[in-house]
Amino acid sequence: MNPLEQRLRYKFRNPLLLAEALTHPSLGHETQRHHFDNQRLEYLGDAVIQLIFTEYLFDRYPDYTEGQLTKLRAKLVSREGLRKHASDIGLGKYLMLGRGEEASGGRDRPSALADAYEALVGAMYLDSDYVTVRRIVLTEAREHLEGLHLDTTDVNPKGRLQEILQAISPESPVYPIVDQSGPEHEKRFVARILWCGHELGLGEGRSKKEAEVSAARSALEREAWKGLPVAAAPCDPPETTADAVPCAVKDGKAPSAHTETKSSGQKSAKAARQSAQQQQPQQ
C-alpha cells in the first residue's frame, strides 16, 4: 500500500484508477500529448459525495426541513468543504501536476484539492462499491460532521429578526400576505415584512408560514433594518377595531408622517373651534 492508501485504509485493486484520480489536467496540457486526467472521475465523484452526505443528513436530522438540510449539505460539499476533506488526508502532496501549475502553488490551490478529492471518491467507487466508499468518506469527515450546525438565522429566521428589531424599537414586524397564486393543491404565497412603516423584505413559499420565514431570512441576509429612521419609542397603538394592524398598518401600508401630521392638525383645529363655540355668550 502506498502512503495515501494507508491513510485511507483502502487498497486499490486497480492502481490505474488511483493514478488517474491524482493526475491534474495541467500535466496533459503541458506535454501537448493525450494524457488521462482526473476530470471525468471528478464528475462521478461529485455525484457520489452528494449522495453520501444527502443520505447521512436525511437520517441524522429527521426534523429538519428541506431547506435546512440543503444548507448543511452545502457546508460539506462546497469548494471550501471539499478542500478541507482533501487537506485532512494530505491529498495535495500526492497530486501529479504540470510544472507551471506546480510553480504557481497548484498543490495547495483550493480548486485543485476539491477537484482531486471528488476524483478520488469517484475512483474508489469504481474500484469497490457504494457501501465501502460511503464508510471511508464518513469516517474521514467525522470531525466536520460532529461540528456541523445551522446558524441561528437558518433555524429560526423570524425569531432572530424579532430579537434584532426589538433591540432597536419595541415594535414587532408584521407579515402581510401580498399575493397568492396557483391551484388549490399547489398554492404559492408572497409575504412582505413591515416594521414601523418600512418594508424590510419579501419572501415566497408554498404556505403562508413558509413565505414569512423566507421574507425574514431575506431581511436578515440584507440587514434591511440598517440605516432606517426608526424611533426608539413604539408607534402609537391603533384603534381597537376588528381590522386593526400593529403600528397602524392597514392593507399592507403604514401611514406616512405627512398623513399623521395632517390628521393631528385637523383634530386640534376641530377641538379649538368647539372650545370657542362653548365660550361665546348666548344672545
Protein backbone atom coordinates (compact mmCIF):
# COMPACT_ATOMS: atom_id res chain seq x y z
CA MET A 1 0.00 0.00 0.00
CA ASN A 2 1.26 3.47 -0.80
CA PRO A 3 1.07 6.22 1.89
CA LEU A 4 -2.26 7.58 0.63
CA GLU A 5 -3.84 4.13 0.65
CA GLN A 6 -2.53 3.62 4.18
CA ARG A 7 -4.09 6.92 5.21
CA LEU A 8 -7.43 5.89 3.72
CA ARG A 9 -7.12 2.31 4.93
CA TYR A 10 -8.08 1.22 1.45
CA LYS A 11 -6.05 -0.74 -1.10
CA PHE A 12 -6.91 -0.11 -4.75
CA ARG A 13 -7.42 -3.25 -6.77
CA ASN A 14 -6.85 -1.19 -9.92
CA PRO A 15 -3.93 1.22 -9.28
CA LEU A 16 -4.60 2.99 -12.57
CA LEU A 17 -7.81 4.43 -11.12
CA LEU A 18 -5.84 5.99 -8.28
CA ALA A 19 -3.24 7.36 -10.71
CA GLU A 20 -6.00 8.88 -12.86
CA ALA A 21 -7.64 10.49 -9.81
CA LEU A 22 -4.37 12.16 -8.82
CA THR A 23 -3.49 13.48 -12.29
CA HIS A 24 -4.21 17.19 -12.72
CA PRO A 25 -5.25 18.36 -16.25
CA SER A 26 -2.21 20.65 -16.38
CA LEU A 27 0.05 17.64 -16.91
CA GLY A 28 -1.50 16.79 -20.26
CA HIS A 29 -1.79 20.42 -21.35
CA GLU A 30 1.88 20.98 -20.72
CA THR A 31 3.15 17.93 -22.61
CA GLN A 32 0.76 18.57 -25.54
CA ARG A 33 0.05 14.84 -25.60
CA HIS A 34 -3.08 12.89 -24.89
CA HIS A 35 -2.94 12.03 -21.24
CA PHE A 36 -5.66 10.95 -18.88
CA ASP A 37 -6.58 13.33 -16.08
CA ASN A 38 -8.99 13.38 -13.18
CA GLN A 39 -11.82 15.42 -14.73
CA ARG A 40 -14.12 12.51 -15.59
CA LEU A 41 -13.62 10.93 -12.18
CA GLU A 42 -14.26 14.33 -10.63
CA TYR A 43 -17.66 14.38 -12.35
CA LEU A 44 -18.53 10.94 -10.99
CA GLY A 45 -17.17 11.63 -7.50
CA ASP A 46 -19.23 14.80 -7.21
CA ALA A 47 -22.44 12.79 -7.59
CA VAL A 48 -21.27 10.08 -5.17
CA ILE A 49 -20.30 12.62 -2.48
CA GLN A 50 -23.63 14.43 -2.87
CA LEU A 51 -25.49 11.16 -2.33
CA ILE A 52 -23.38 10.12 0.66
CA PHE A 53 -23.87 13.36 2.57
CA THR A 54 -27.50 13.75 1.49
CA GLU A 55 -28.33 10.30 2.82
CA TYR A 56 -26.38 10.88 6.03
CA LEU A 57 -28.05 14.22 6.79
CA PHE A 58 -31.51 12.88 5.91
CA ASP A 59 -31.12 10.11 8.51
CA ARG A 60 -29.26 12.23 11.08
CA TYR A 61 -31.72 15.15 11.20
CA PRO A 62 -35.26 13.77 10.79
CA ASP A 63 -36.90 17.02 11.95
CA TYR A 64 -35.06 19.38 9.61
CA THR A 65 -36.76 20.89 6.56
CA GLU A 66 -35.53 20.51 3.01
CA GLY A 67 -34.04 23.99 3.14
CA GLN A 68 -32.16 23.32 6.38
CA LEU A 69 -30.77 20.03 5.09
CA THR A 70 -29.65 21.73 1.89
CA LYS A 71 -27.76 24.38 3.85
CA LEU A 72 -25.98 21.73 5.93
CA ARG A 73 -25.03 19.76 2.84
CA ALA A 74 -23.67 22.89 1.19
CA LYS A 75 -21.17 23.25 4.03
CA LEU A 76 -19.87 19.75 3.32
CA VAL A 77 -19.81 19.74 -0.49
CA SER A 78 -18.89 23.36 -1.25
CA ARG A 79 -15.43 24.01 -2.68
CA GLU A 80 -14.21 25.02 0.78
CA GLY A 81 -15.80 21.95 2.35
CA LEU A 82 -14.17 19.62 -0.19
CA ARG A 83 -10.83 21.40 0.26
CA LYS A 84 -10.98 20.65 3.97
CA HIS A 85 -11.68 16.97 3.30
CA ALA A 86 -8.73 16.85 0.90
CA SER A 87 -6.41 18.65 3.33
CA ASP A 88 -7.33 16.28 6.14
CA ILE A 89 -5.83 13.37 4.21
CA GLY A 90 -2.90 15.37 2.84
CA LEU A 91 -4.10 14.89 -0.73
CA GLY A 92 -2.13 17.81 -2.16
CA LYS A 93 1.27 16.16 -1.82
CA TYR A 94 0.17 13.19 -3.94
CA LEU A 95 -1.08 15.20 -6.94
CA MET A 96 0.69 14.91 -10.29
CA LEU A 97 0.89 18.43 -11.74
CA GLY A 98 2.40 20.21 -14.69
CA ARG A 99 5.49 22.26 -13.89
CA GLY A 100 3.67 25.55 -14.37
CA GLU A 101 0.85 24.53 -12.06
CA GLU A 102 3.36 23.30 -9.51
CA ALA A 103 5.31 26.55 -9.62
CA SER A 104 2.17 28.66 -9.19
CA GLY A 105 1.12 26.87 -5.98
CA GLY A 106 -1.34 24.45 -7.57
CA ARG A 107 -0.63 21.77 -4.99
CA ASP A 108 -2.33 23.93 -2.35
CA ARG A 109 -4.91 25.56 -4.60
CA PRO A 110 -8.43 25.06 -3.17
CA SER A 111 -9.97 24.27 -6.56
CA ALA A 112 -7.29 21.65 -7.36
CA LEU A 113 -7.72 19.99 -3.96
CA ALA A 114 -11.52 19.99 -4.18
CA ASP A 115 -11.46 18.51 -7.69
CA ALA A 116 -8.91 15.86 -6.71
CA TYR A 117 -10.97 14.81 -3.70
CA GLU A 118 -14.04 14.33 -5.86
CA ALA A 119 -11.96 12.34 -8.34
CA LEU A 120 -10.53 10.17 -5.56
CA VAL A 121 -14.01 9.32 -4.30
CA GLY A 122 -15.10 8.53 -7.85
CA ALA A 123 -12.09 6.23 -8.28
CA MET A 124 -12.82 4.38 -5.02
CA TYR A 125 -16.44 3.97 -6.06
CA LEU A 126 -15.45 2.34 -9.36
CA ASP A 127 -12.82 0.22 -7.64
CA SER A 128 -15.15 -1.06 -4.89
CA ASP A 129 -18.81 -0.24 -4.19
CA TYR A 130 -21.04 2.42 -2.65
CA VAL A 131 -21.07 0.93 0.85
CA THR A 132 -17.27 0.87 1.01
CA VAL A 133 -16.73 4.40 -0.25
CA ARG A 134 -19.51 5.72 1.98
CA ARG A 135 -17.78 4.27 5.04
CA ILE A 136 -14.45 5.84 4.05
CA VAL A 137 -15.91 9.28 3.30
CA LEU A 138 -17.96 9.47 6.51
CA THR A 139 -15.04 8.20 8.60
CA GLU A 140 -12.69 10.82 7.20
CA ALA A 141 -15.32 13.55 7.58
CA ARG A 142 -16.25 12.63 11.16
CA GLU A 143 -14.77 15.78 12.70
CA HIS A 144 -16.62 18.02 10.24
CA LEU A 145 -19.87 16.14 10.76
CA GLU A 146 -19.65 16.45 14.54
CA GLY A 147 -19.07 20.22 14.28
CA LEU A 148 -21.85 20.73 11.77
CA HIS A 149 -24.59 23.12 12.85
CA LEU A 150 -27.09 25.57 11.47
CA ASP A 151 -26.74 29.27 12.09
CA THR A 152 -29.47 30.92 14.15
CA THR A 153 -30.82 32.55 11.00
CA ASP A 154 -31.28 29.10 9.43
CA VAL A 155 -33.08 27.57 12.43
CA ASN A 156 -35.48 30.41 13.30
CA PRO A 157 -35.21 33.41 10.97
CA LYS A 158 -38.37 35.12 12.27
CA GLY A 159 -37.27 34.81 15.88
CA ARG A 160 -33.78 36.11 15.15
CA LEU A 161 -35.16 39.07 13.18
CA GLN A 162 -37.59 39.89 16.00
CA GLU A 163 -34.72 39.98 18.52
CA ILE A 164 -32.72 42.38 16.36
CA LEU A 165 -35.64 44.71 15.64
CA GLN A 166 -36.88 44.87 19.22
CA ALA A 167 -33.39 45.87 20.34
CA ILE A 168 -33.94 48.97 18.18
CA SER A 169 -37.65 49.61 18.80
CA PRO A 170 -40.31 47.74 20.82
CA GLU A 171 -42.47 47.35 17.71
CA SER A 172 -42.81 43.87 16.26
CA PRO A 173 -42.73 43.30 12.50
CA VAL A 174 -45.87 42.19 10.70
CA TYR A 175 -46.05 39.83 7.71
CA PRO A 176 -49.00 40.63 5.40
CA ILE A 177 -49.56 38.23 2.51
CA VAL A 178 -49.47 40.40 -0.60
CA ASP A 179 -50.06 37.76 -3.28
CA GLN A 180 -51.11 34.16 -3.75
CA SER A 181 -51.30 32.16 -6.95
CA GLY A 182 -51.60 28.66 -8.33
CA PRO A 183 -54.19 25.90 -7.96
CA GLU A 184 -55.54 24.97 -4.55
CA HIS A 185 -53.24 21.97 -4.17
CA GLU A 186 -50.14 23.94 -5.19
CA LYS A 187 -50.56 27.46 -3.83
CA ARG A 188 -47.69 29.94 -3.83
CA PHE A 189 -47.76 32.77 -1.29
CA VAL A 190 -45.78 36.00 -1.17
CA ALA A 191 -45.28 37.75 2.17
CA ARG A 192 -43.60 41.01 2.98
CA ILE A 193 -42.26 42.37 6.24
CA LEU A 194 -43.46 45.74 7.52
CA TRP A 195 -41.91 47.34 10.54
CA CYS A 196 -42.94 50.81 11.68
CA GLY A 197 -43.73 51.93 8.15
CA HIS A 198 -40.70 50.34 6.47
CA GLU A 199 -40.68 47.33 4.16
CA LEU A 200 -37.79 45.03 5.11
CA GLY A 201 -38.18 42.22 2.61
CA LEU A 202 -40.28 39.85 0.51
CA GLY A 203 -40.49 36.07 0.63
CA GLU A 204 -42.24 33.30 -1.28
CA GLY A 205 -43.36 29.86 -0.16
CA ARG A 206 -45.85 27.05 -0.54
CA SER A 207 -47.61 28.14 2.66
CA LYS A 208 -48.11 31.45 4.42
CA LYS A 209 -45.67 30.39 7.14
CA GLU A 210 -43.02 29.37 4.63
CA ALA A 211 -43.39 32.71 2.83
CA GLU A 212 -42.99 34.61 6.11
CA VAL A 213 -39.87 32.65 7.01
CA SER A 214 -38.43 33.28 3.56
CA ALA A 215 -39.08 37.03 3.93
CA ALA A 216 -37.41 37.08 7.35
CA ARG A 217 -34.37 35.23 6.00
CA SER A 218 -34.12 37.72 3.14
CA ALA A 219 -34.23 40.65 5.57
CA LEU A 220 -31.53 39.07 7.74
CA GLU A 221 -29.24 38.41 4.80
CA ARG A 222 -29.59 42.01 3.57
CA GLU A 223 -29.61 43.54 7.09
CA ALA A 224 -32.52 45.59 5.79
CA TRP A 225 -33.06 47.50 9.05
CA LYS A 226 -29.70 49.28 8.91
CA GLY A 227 -29.87 52.98 8.12
CA LEU A 228 -33.64 53.26 8.52
CA PRO A 229 -35.00 56.23 10.51
CA VAL A 230 -36.75 54.45 13.37
CA ALA A 231 -37.84 56.00 16.67
CA ALA A 232 -36.81 54.22 19.86
CA ALA A 233 -40.36 54.53 21.21
CA PRO A 234 -43.09 52.29 19.82
CA CYS A 235 -45.51 53.58 17.25
CA ASP A 236 -48.86 54.88 18.51
CA PRO A 237 -51.22 51.94 19.08
CA PRO A 238 -54.01 51.61 16.53
CA GLU A 239 -57.67 51.98 17.36
CA THR A 240 -59.25 48.83 18.71
CA THR A 241 -61.12 47.61 15.67
CA ALA A 242 -61.52 44.25 14.04
CA ASP A 243 -59.15 45.13 11.22
CA ALA A 244 -56.59 46.98 13.30
CA VAL A 245 -52.99 46.16 12.50
CA PRO A 246 -49.98 46.88 14.76
CA CYS A 247 -48.32 50.22 14.08
CA ALA A 248 -51.49 51.35 12.26
CA VAL A 249 -50.55 49.23 9.24
CA LYS A 250 -53.61 48.53 7.10
CA ASP A 251 -53.88 46.90 3.71
CA GLY A 252 -50.12 46.31 3.81
CA LYS A 253 -49.32 50.07 4.10
CA ALA A 254 -48.29 52.18 7.03
CA PRO A 255 -49.47 55.82 7.27
CA SER A 256 -46.88 58.37 6.28
CA ALA A 257 -45.62 61.05 8.64
CA HIS A 258 -47.38 63.68 6.48
CA THR A 259 -50.73 61.90 6.84
CA GLU A 260 -50.35 61.54 10.60
CA THR A 261 -49.38 65.24 10.99
CA LYS A 262 -52.31 66.36 8.85
CA SER A 263 -54.76 64.22 10.82
CA SER A 264 -53.41 65.52 14.12
CA GLY A 265 -53.70 69.12 12.91
CA GLN A 266 -57.29 68.61 11.81
CA LYS A 267 -58.23 67.21 15.23
CA SER A 268 -56.56 70.14 17.01
CA ALA A 269 -58.38 72.70 14.84
CA LYS A 270 -61.72 71.00 15.43
CA ALA A 271 -61.17 70.99 19.18
CA ALA A 272 -60.29 74.70 19.13
CA ARG A 273 -63.49 75.58 17.23
CA GLN A 274 -65.62 73.58 19.67
CA SER A 275 -63.99 75.34 22.63
CA ALA A 276 -64.58 78.77 21.08
CA GLN A 277 -68.23 77.99 20.44
CA GLN A 278 -68.75 76.92 24.04
CA GLN A 279 -67.21 80.16 25.34
CA GLN A 280 -69.43 82.51 23.19
CA PRO A 281 -72.13 84.33 25.27
CA GLN A 282 -75.65 83.41 24.41
CA GLN A 283 -77.57 86.15 22.54
